[in-house]
Every structure is written in structure tokens, then in C-alpha cells.
Amino acid sequence: MKAYLLRRMLLVIPTFIGISLITFLVVQLAPGNPVFLKLRQAEGTMGSRSVPQEIIEQTKKLYGLDRPLYVQYVRWLGRLCVLDFGNSYKDQRPVRTKILEVLPVTLQLNVLSLLVVYLISIPLGVYSATHERSVTDKGITLSLFILYSLPSFWVAMLLMLFLGGGRHLDWFPIFGISSSGAEQMPFGQWMIDRLWHLVLPVFCLSYAGLAALSRFMRAGLVDVVRQDYIRTARAYGFSERVIVYKYAMRNALIPIITLLGTLLPALIGGSVIIESIFSIPGMGRLSFEAILSRDYPLIMGILSISAFLTLIGLILSDFLYALIDPRIKFE
């Protein structure tokens, strides 16, 4: 087990380099260029006069875009070794500072939604699997499929209309993550205010994952309860609760653990649509603004963190396999 985890950790390095190289090339080859965006703005302020070639070259040199792509990549990779993502092209602020400013907001939003999804979907999937083909199971399946088919932006607009003071009830705030002057509130009151602001965004981020994850849990458990060792456990006289929660559920959790590993980068990735609709200053909106402005260092910083967390999440999934099912051995 230790040797396996060590090999996987060592493989993270070349894998991450390969991912970062492909990402760097894709970002560089994408349409648009920060230099021309800046010069277009300058041309607008200068009227109809064209921008001199000297200014173009100086702008490229300022951003380091006058060098070959392989030189730019090697320099970026060298700075990454000391966790220096460079400066933003948009405002020349350090990328690390900009990410750290919005990361706590995104973590609060996504950790809450992840907890809601897992705490509801797993028991719901277990109940559907143990009451297979019953009226309740069919009703739950139909309801979850309907939820899964609803676009998140449409649901967000409906919630704002009916529950956010649009035309009906004014129960929840629909702007930002805190009320005005929240920093002066006592901690308990501040926490309640923050949670109250996150109710609608968390629901919009959770309902689709709730539908998908509960169906994964149901399908996995239905397959496991048909295995021979489950029949043997029933023959020994164990109660159905012991059979489901002690024996069957461990094997059924393996697909859920696999999904958990891939959800780790989503904790910092944010949601562009939901954060934009509810005016939440998180990673999703920051990524969207970086793409619009062709802010290469900021885009690379966000994508690199997401890639690294994806690799760590896969290793964490492998480790959790052995904890959930002791029969799994890594050679």
C-alpha cells in the first residue's frame, strides 16, 4: 500500500507537467490576445490614430509575449515551483493574491453544496435500492430526473422571482454573500447572515448533483444486494439493516468515492452561472473575467490548481478504496 501510494505520488509530477504543457498551448492558441485588447482600448482613447509599432513591441515585452512559447512556458514552470503564478495582465496584481481573495467564498459555497448532496443522496439512494420498484422508488426516481433536467440558471431565476422579493415572497437575499455592515456583527449573527445568503445558491448548485449521485448509489447497491455473499448473510439470519449497512453498502460506495475524487477540484472551480446570477465574488466569476480579458497568468493559475487537485483527488480515491473495502489490495 505504501509503495503504491509513493509511486502514484511520484507519477503526479510528470502527469502535471504534461497537463500544464497542453493547457499552456491551448490557452496561447486560443483566439484573442491581451496585447491587442490593450491596444484596442488605447486606440479608442486616442481616437482614429493607429498605435505605433514601437508601442506594440513595448506592450509585448511588458507581458513577456515577445519570447518564444517554449521560453514562456519554462519561465512560468520555474515560477510555479515556488508557487509564483506571476502577475495579472489586467491590473498587474499577483495572481496568487487574486485567487486567495475569492477562494474562501467559493469554498464556503461549494463545501456546503457538497455536504448537502452527499448527506441527502446516499440515504435516498439506499432507500430506493432497498424498496426497488415500489411506488415510492418510482416517485423518487421521477422527481430526481425532473430536477436533473432543469437548467440551473432557470431555477435560479425562478427562485429569485418567487422567494427573493421578485413578485411574491421576500424570504432570501439574492445579492452577494453578506448584508451591508455584516463585518460589524457578532460572530453568531454574522454566520446566520452568511448562511441565509447562501441558501438559494447552494440549492442551485446541489439539486443536479443530488439527482445524479443518488442514482449512482441506488444502482450500485441494487447490484451488490444480488451477490451471493448477501444471500449467505441472509441465510445466517442477519437483520436487513445489518446486511445493507454493514456488508452491502461498503461495496456500493466505491463508485461514490470515485466521484468524490473528481469533485475535489470543483471545490475551488466555482460556478460561473450561479456566481454571476447571485453576484457572488468567487472563483467562477474570476475565471470568466480572466477568459474575457485573455489574462493568461490568471487562467493558467486557476487551471493549474484545478489539475493538481484532480490528481490528488484520484490518489485520495485509491486510498479510500482500501479503507472502505479491505479486500482491495494494491500491488
Protein backbone atom coordinates (compact mmCIF):
# COMPACT_ATOMS: atom_id res chain seq x y z
CA MET A 1 0.00 0.00 0.00
CA LYS A 2 2.75 2.47 0.95
CA ALA A 3 4.80 1.59 -2.14
CA TYR A 4 1.72 2.02 -4.34
CA LEU A 5 0.90 5.44 -2.91
CA LEU A 6 4.54 6.51 -3.26
CA ARG A 7 4.57 5.52 -6.94
CA ARG A 8 1.30 7.37 -7.53
CA MET A 9 2.65 10.49 -5.84
CA LEU A 10 5.77 10.39 -7.99
CA LEU A 11 3.65 9.98 -11.13
CA VAL A 12 1.84 13.20 -10.24
CA ILE A 13 4.91 15.24 -11.25
CA PRO A 14 5.25 14.16 -14.92
CA THR A 15 1.47 13.98 -15.30
CA PHE A 16 1.06 17.53 -14.01
CA ILE A 17 3.82 18.79 -16.32
CA GLY A 18 2.08 17.18 -19.29
CA ILE A 19 -1.29 18.66 -18.32
CA SER A 20 0.21 22.11 -17.76
CA LEU A 21 2.00 21.99 -21.13
CA ILE A 22 -1.18 21.10 -23.02
CA THR A 23 -3.14 23.74 -21.10
CA PHE A 24 -0.48 26.36 -21.81
CA LEU A 25 -0.55 25.63 -25.56
CA VAL A 26 -4.35 25.63 -25.71
CA VAL A 27 -4.54 28.97 -23.88
CA GLN A 28 -1.88 30.51 -26.12
CA LEU A 29 -3.52 29.24 -29.32
CA ALA A 30 -6.99 30.43 -28.34
CA PRO A 31 -8.38 33.38 -30.34
CA GLY A 32 -7.62 36.79 -28.91
CA ASN A 33 -4.54 38.33 -27.38
CA PRO A 34 -4.08 40.55 -24.31
CA VAL A 35 -1.78 42.87 -26.26
CA PHE A 36 -4.38 43.60 -28.92
CA LEU A 37 -7.07 44.03 -26.29
CA LYS A 38 -4.96 46.65 -24.54
CA LEU A 39 -4.09 48.35 -27.81
CA ARG A 40 -7.72 48.35 -28.89
CA GLN A 41 -8.59 50.20 -25.68
CA ALA A 42 -5.69 52.60 -26.26
CA GLU A 43 -6.81 53.15 -29.84
CA GLY A 44 -10.26 54.01 -28.58
CA THR A 45 -8.86 56.66 -26.26
CA MET A 46 -6.54 58.03 -28.98
CA GLY A 47 -9.35 58.42 -31.49
CA SER A 48 -8.73 57.23 -35.02
CA ARG A 49 -4.94 57.34 -34.77
CA SER A 50 -3.21 54.00 -35.22
CA VAL A 51 -0.97 52.60 -32.50
CA PRO A 52 2.73 52.86 -33.38
CA GLN A 53 4.67 49.62 -33.81
CA GLU A 54 7.01 50.70 -31.02
CA ILE A 55 4.14 50.70 -28.53
CA ILE A 56 3.09 47.24 -29.74
CA GLU A 57 6.57 45.85 -29.13
CA GLN A 58 6.82 47.54 -25.73
CA THR A 59 3.47 46.05 -24.71
CA LYS A 60 4.57 42.57 -25.78
CA LYS A 61 7.80 42.99 -23.83
CA LEU A 62 5.88 44.16 -20.76
CA TYR A 63 3.82 40.97 -20.76
CA GLY A 64 6.73 38.74 -21.76
CA LEU A 65 4.99 37.77 -25.00
CA ASP A 66 7.95 38.76 -27.17
CA ARG A 67 9.74 35.49 -26.39
CA PRO A 68 9.17 32.05 -27.96
CA LEU A 69 6.43 29.88 -26.48
CA TYR A 70 8.83 27.32 -25.04
CA VAL A 71 10.74 30.07 -23.21
CA GLN A 72 7.49 31.48 -21.81
CA TYR A 73 6.45 28.02 -20.63
CA VAL A 74 9.80 27.24 -18.98
CA ARG A 75 9.78 30.58 -17.16
CA TRP A 76 6.21 30.03 -15.99
CA LEU A 77 7.03 26.50 -14.83
CA GLY A 78 10.08 27.78 -12.93
CA ARG A 79 7.97 30.36 -11.09
CA LEU A 80 5.36 27.70 -10.35
CA CYS A 81 7.94 25.68 -8.39
CA VAL A 82 7.95 28.49 -5.78
CA LEU A 83 4.13 28.98 -6.07
CA ASP A 84 4.55 32.21 -8.03
CA PHE A 85 1.84 32.38 -10.69
CA GLY A 86 3.02 35.75 -11.97
CA ASN A 87 1.08 39.00 -12.23
CA SER A 88 -2.29 39.53 -13.82
CA TYR A 89 -2.26 41.22 -17.22
CA LYS A 90 -5.40 43.12 -16.31
CA ASP A 91 -4.23 45.05 -13.25
CA GLN A 92 -0.65 43.79 -12.63
CA ARG A 93 -1.63 42.33 -9.26
CA PRO A 94 -0.16 38.96 -8.19
CA VAL A 95 -2.32 36.07 -9.40
CA ARG A 96 -1.89 34.27 -6.09
CA THR A 97 -3.32 37.27 -4.23
CA LYS A 98 -6.35 37.49 -6.51
CA ILE A 99 -7.07 33.77 -6.13
CA LEU A 100 -6.70 33.85 -2.34
CA GLU A 101 -9.15 36.77 -2.14
CA VAL A 102 -12.01 34.84 -3.72
CA LEU A 103 -11.10 31.28 -2.71
CA PRO A 104 -12.74 31.41 0.79
CA VAL A 105 -16.06 32.48 -0.78
CA THR A 106 -16.00 29.64 -3.31
CA LEU A 107 -15.01 27.10 -0.66
CA GLN A 108 -17.91 28.11 1.57
CA LEU A 109 -20.36 27.82 -1.30
CA ASN A 110 -19.10 24.54 -2.72
CA VAL A 111 -18.35 22.74 0.56
CA LEU A 112 -21.91 23.41 1.70
CA SER A 113 -23.35 22.18 -1.59
CA LEU A 114 -21.14 19.06 -1.47
CA LEU A 115 -22.27 18.26 2.06
CA VAL A 116 -25.90 18.72 1.11
CA VAL A 117 -25.52 16.44 -1.92
CA TYR A 118 -23.82 13.59 -0.05
CA LEU A 119 -25.89 13.80 3.13
CA ILE A 120 -29.14 13.55 1.17
CA SER A 121 -28.25 11.49 -1.91
CA ILE A 122 -26.67 8.50 -0.12
CA PRO A 123 -29.62 7.79 2.24
CA LEU A 124 -32.00 8.48 -0.64
CA GLY A 125 -30.17 6.03 -2.89
CA VAL A 126 -30.11 3.39 -0.15
CA TYR A 127 -33.85 3.76 0.45
CA SER A 128 -34.60 3.48 -3.29
CA ALA A 129 -32.42 0.38 -3.61
CA THR A 130 -34.00 -1.37 -0.62
CA HIS A 131 -37.50 -0.54 -1.93
CA GLU A 132 -36.78 -1.33 -5.56
CA ARG A 133 -39.70 -0.96 -7.99
CA SER A 134 -42.04 0.24 -5.26
CA VAL A 135 -44.31 3.22 -5.74
CA THR A 136 -42.03 5.31 -3.54
CA ASP A 137 -38.96 4.33 -5.54
CA LYS A 138 -40.67 5.25 -8.82
CA GLY A 139 -41.81 8.56 -7.38
CA ILE A 140 -38.31 9.42 -6.12
CA THR A 141 -36.79 8.44 -9.47
CA LEU A 142 -39.26 10.57 -11.43
CA SER A 143 -38.78 13.57 -9.14
CA LEU A 144 -34.98 13.37 -9.33
CA PHE A 145 -34.98 13.03 -13.12
CA ILE A 146 -37.17 16.12 -13.37
CA LEU A 147 -34.77 18.03 -11.11
CA TYR A 148 -31.78 16.84 -13.12
CA SER A 149 -33.33 18.14 -16.35
CA LEU A 150 -33.90 21.69 -15.06
CA PRO A 151 -31.23 24.24 -16.10
CA SER A 152 -29.58 25.86 -13.10
CA PHE A 153 -29.92 29.42 -14.44
CA TRP A 154 -33.67 28.93 -14.99
CA VAL A 155 -34.12 27.55 -11.47
CA ALA A 156 -32.08 30.45 -10.06
CA MET A 157 -34.30 33.00 -11.84
CA LEU A 158 -37.45 31.29 -10.56
CA LEU A 159 -36.13 31.26 -7.01
CA MET A 160 -35.30 34.95 -7.24
CA LEU A 161 -38.77 35.66 -8.62
CA PHE A 162 -40.77 33.64 -6.07
CA LEU A 163 -38.56 33.68 -2.95
CA GLY A 164 -36.27 36.66 -3.38
CA GLY A 165 -38.70 39.55 -3.40
CA GLY A 166 -39.48 39.49 -7.11
CA ARG A 167 -43.27 39.28 -7.29
CA HIS A 168 -44.12 37.04 -4.37
CA LEU A 169 -42.23 36.17 -1.16
CA ASP A 170 -39.20 38.06 0.11
CA TRP A 171 -37.58 35.34 2.19
CA PHE A 172 -34.00 35.14 0.96
CA PRO A 173 -31.42 37.70 -0.20
CA ILE A 174 -30.41 37.43 -3.84
CA PHE A 175 -27.31 39.61 -3.97
CA GLY A 176 -23.85 38.91 -2.58
CA ILE A 177 -22.93 36.71 0.36
CA SER A 178 -23.38 39.14 3.28
CA SER A 179 -25.59 42.02 4.26
CA SER A 180 -24.32 45.56 4.38
CA GLY A 181 -22.32 46.09 7.57
CA ALA A 182 -22.03 42.36 8.25
CA GLU A 183 -18.40 42.77 9.32
CA GLN A 184 -19.62 44.67 12.39
CA MET A 185 -21.97 41.88 13.50
CA PRO A 186 -21.20 39.39 16.30
CA PHE A 187 -19.88 36.06 15.01
CA GLY A 188 -23.12 34.15 15.56
CA GLN A 189 -25.23 36.78 13.82
CA TRP A 190 -22.66 37.02 11.01
CA MET A 191 -22.76 33.25 10.50
CA ILE A 192 -26.57 33.22 10.29
CA ASP A 193 -26.49 36.10 7.82
CA ARG A 194 -23.89 34.34 5.65
CA LEU A 195 -25.84 31.05 5.64
CA TRP A 196 -29.05 32.91 4.82
CA HIS A 197 -27.38 34.47 1.77
CA LEU A 198 -26.09 31.06 0.62
CA VAL A 199 -29.41 29.18 0.76
CA LEU A 200 -30.50 29.86 -2.83
CA PRO A 201 -27.03 29.50 -4.46
CA VAL A 202 -26.37 26.24 -2.58
CA PHE A 203 -29.71 24.83 -3.68
CA CYS A 204 -28.99 25.72 -7.32
CA LEU A 205 -25.59 24.01 -7.10
CA SER A 206 -26.90 20.94 -5.28
CA TYR A 207 -30.08 19.65 -6.89
CA ALA A 208 -28.49 18.32 -10.11
CA GLY A 209 -25.71 16.53 -8.21
CA LEU A 210 -28.27 15.19 -5.76
CA ALA A 211 -30.18 13.54 -8.59
CA ALA A 212 -27.10 12.04 -10.24
CA LEU A 213 -25.37 10.82 -7.07
CA SER A 214 -28.46 9.19 -5.59
CA ARG A 215 -28.96 7.23 -8.83
CA PHE A 216 -25.34 6.06 -8.69
CA MET A 217 -25.86 4.95 -5.11
CA ARG A 218 -29.09 3.14 -5.96
CA ALA A 219 -27.61 1.34 -8.98
CA GLY A 220 -24.53 0.25 -7.04
CA LEU A 221 -26.50 -1.05 -4.07
CA VAL A 222 -29.05 -2.86 -6.23
CA ASP A 223 -26.19 -4.71 -7.93
CA VAL A 224 -24.48 -5.56 -4.62
CA VAL A 225 -27.56 -6.92 -2.82
CA ARG A 226 -27.89 -9.56 -5.55
CA GLN A 227 -24.46 -11.02 -4.84
CA ASP A 228 -24.02 -14.47 -3.35
CA TYR A 229 -22.44 -13.28 -0.10
CA ILE A 230 -25.52 -11.16 0.61
CA ARG A 231 -27.71 -14.24 0.20
CA THR A 232 -25.37 -16.09 2.56
CA ALA A 233 -25.69 -13.30 5.13
CA ARG A 234 -29.48 -13.53 4.90
CA ALA A 235 -29.27 -17.31 5.34
CA TYR A 236 -27.30 -16.79 8.56
CA GLY A 237 -30.20 -14.77 9.89
CA PHE A 238 -28.71 -11.26 9.97
CA SER A 239 -31.21 -8.45 10.00
CA GLU A 240 -31.79 -6.50 6.79
CA ARG A 241 -30.35 -3.34 8.35
CA VAL A 242 -27.09 -5.12 9.23
CA ILE A 243 -26.88 -6.69 5.77
CA VAL A 244 -27.40 -3.37 3.97
CA TYR A 245 -25.31 -1.02 6.12
CA LYS A 246 -22.52 -3.37 7.20
CA TYR A 247 -21.98 -5.63 4.22
CA ALA A 248 -23.61 -4.29 1.05
CA MET A 249 -23.09 -0.57 1.48
CA ARG A 250 -19.28 -0.78 1.58
CA ASN A 251 -19.04 -2.18 -1.93
CA ALA A 252 -21.76 0.13 -3.20
CA LEU A 253 -19.79 3.18 -2.01
CA ILE A 254 -16.86 2.53 -4.38
CA PRO A 255 -18.41 4.40 -7.36
CA ILE A 256 -19.35 7.25 -5.00
CA ILE A 257 -15.75 7.50 -3.78
CA THR A 258 -14.55 7.66 -7.38
CA LEU A 259 -16.87 10.61 -7.99
CA LEU A 260 -15.68 12.25 -4.77
CA GLY A 261 -12.12 12.29 -6.08
CA THR A 262 -13.17 14.12 -9.23
CA LEU A 263 -15.30 16.60 -7.25
CA LEU A 264 -12.29 17.91 -5.32
CA PRO A 265 -11.25 20.47 -7.99
CA ALA A 266 -14.87 21.62 -8.18
CA LEU A 267 -14.49 22.96 -4.64
CA ILE A 268 -12.32 25.79 -5.97
CA GLY A 269 -13.57 25.88 -9.54
CA GLY A 270 -16.76 27.67 -8.65
CA SER A 271 -19.82 28.11 -10.84
CA VAL A 272 -19.74 30.86 -13.43
CA ILE A 273 -23.51 30.94 -13.93
CA ILE A 274 -24.63 30.81 -10.30
CA GLU A 275 -21.97 33.22 -9.06
CA SER A 276 -22.85 35.68 -11.83
CA ILE A 277 -26.60 35.49 -11.22
CA PHE A 278 -26.29 35.99 -7.45
CA SER A 279 -23.35 38.44 -7.75
CA ILE A 280 -21.04 36.24 -5.68
CA PRO A 281 -17.34 37.21 -5.93
CA GLY A 282 -15.97 33.68 -6.31
CA MET A 283 -13.58 31.66 -8.44
CA GLY A 284 -16.15 31.02 -11.16
CA ARG A 285 -16.69 34.69 -11.89
CA LEU A 286 -12.96 35.37 -11.61
CA SER A 287 -12.26 32.64 -14.20
CA PHE A 288 -14.88 34.04 -16.54
CA GLU A 289 -13.44 37.55 -16.32
CA ALA A 290 -9.93 36.19 -16.88
CA ILE A 291 -11.03 34.41 -20.06
CA LEU A 292 -12.78 37.50 -21.39
CA SER A 293 -9.69 39.66 -20.83
CA ARG A 294 -7.27 36.94 -22.08
CA ASP A 295 -5.44 37.14 -18.74
CA TYR A 296 -3.03 34.26 -19.38
CA PRO A 297 -1.30 34.14 -15.96
CA LEU A 298 -4.62 34.14 -14.11
CA ILE A 299 -6.11 31.47 -16.40
CA MET A 300 -3.01 29.28 -16.04
CA GLY A 301 -3.01 29.72 -12.27
CA ILE A 302 -6.63 28.62 -11.90
CA LEU A 303 -6.29 25.71 -14.33
CA SER A 304 -3.06 24.51 -12.73
CA ILE A 305 -4.61 24.40 -9.27
CA SER A 306 -7.61 22.51 -10.68
CA ALA A 307 -5.35 19.98 -12.45
CA PHE A 308 -3.26 19.40 -9.34
CA LEU A 309 -6.35 18.88 -7.19
CA THR A 310 -7.74 16.43 -9.75
CA LEU A 311 -4.60 14.29 -9.49
CA ILE A 312 -4.64 14.47 -5.68
CA GLY A 313 -8.34 13.56 -5.70
CA LEU A 314 -7.67 10.43 -7.73
CA ILE A 315 -4.96 9.34 -5.29
CA LEU A 316 -7.31 10.04 -2.39
CA SER A 317 -9.94 7.85 -4.05
CA ASP A 318 -7.47 4.97 -4.32
CA PHE A 319 -6.61 5.33 -0.63
CA LEU A 320 -10.28 5.37 0.38
CA TYR A 321 -10.94 2.20 -1.65
CA ALA A 322 -8.79 0.18 0.75
CA LEU A 323 -10.46 1.76 3.78
CA ILE A 324 -13.97 1.02 2.53
CA ASP A 325 -13.28 -2.49 1.22
CA PRO A 326 -10.38 -4.32 2.96
CA ARG A 327 -10.38 -6.94 0.18
CA ILE A 328 -8.85 -4.38 -2.19
CA LYS A 329 -5.08 -4.78 -2.31
CA PHE A 330 -2.70 -2.61 -4.31
CA GLU A 331 0.25 -4.42 -5.83
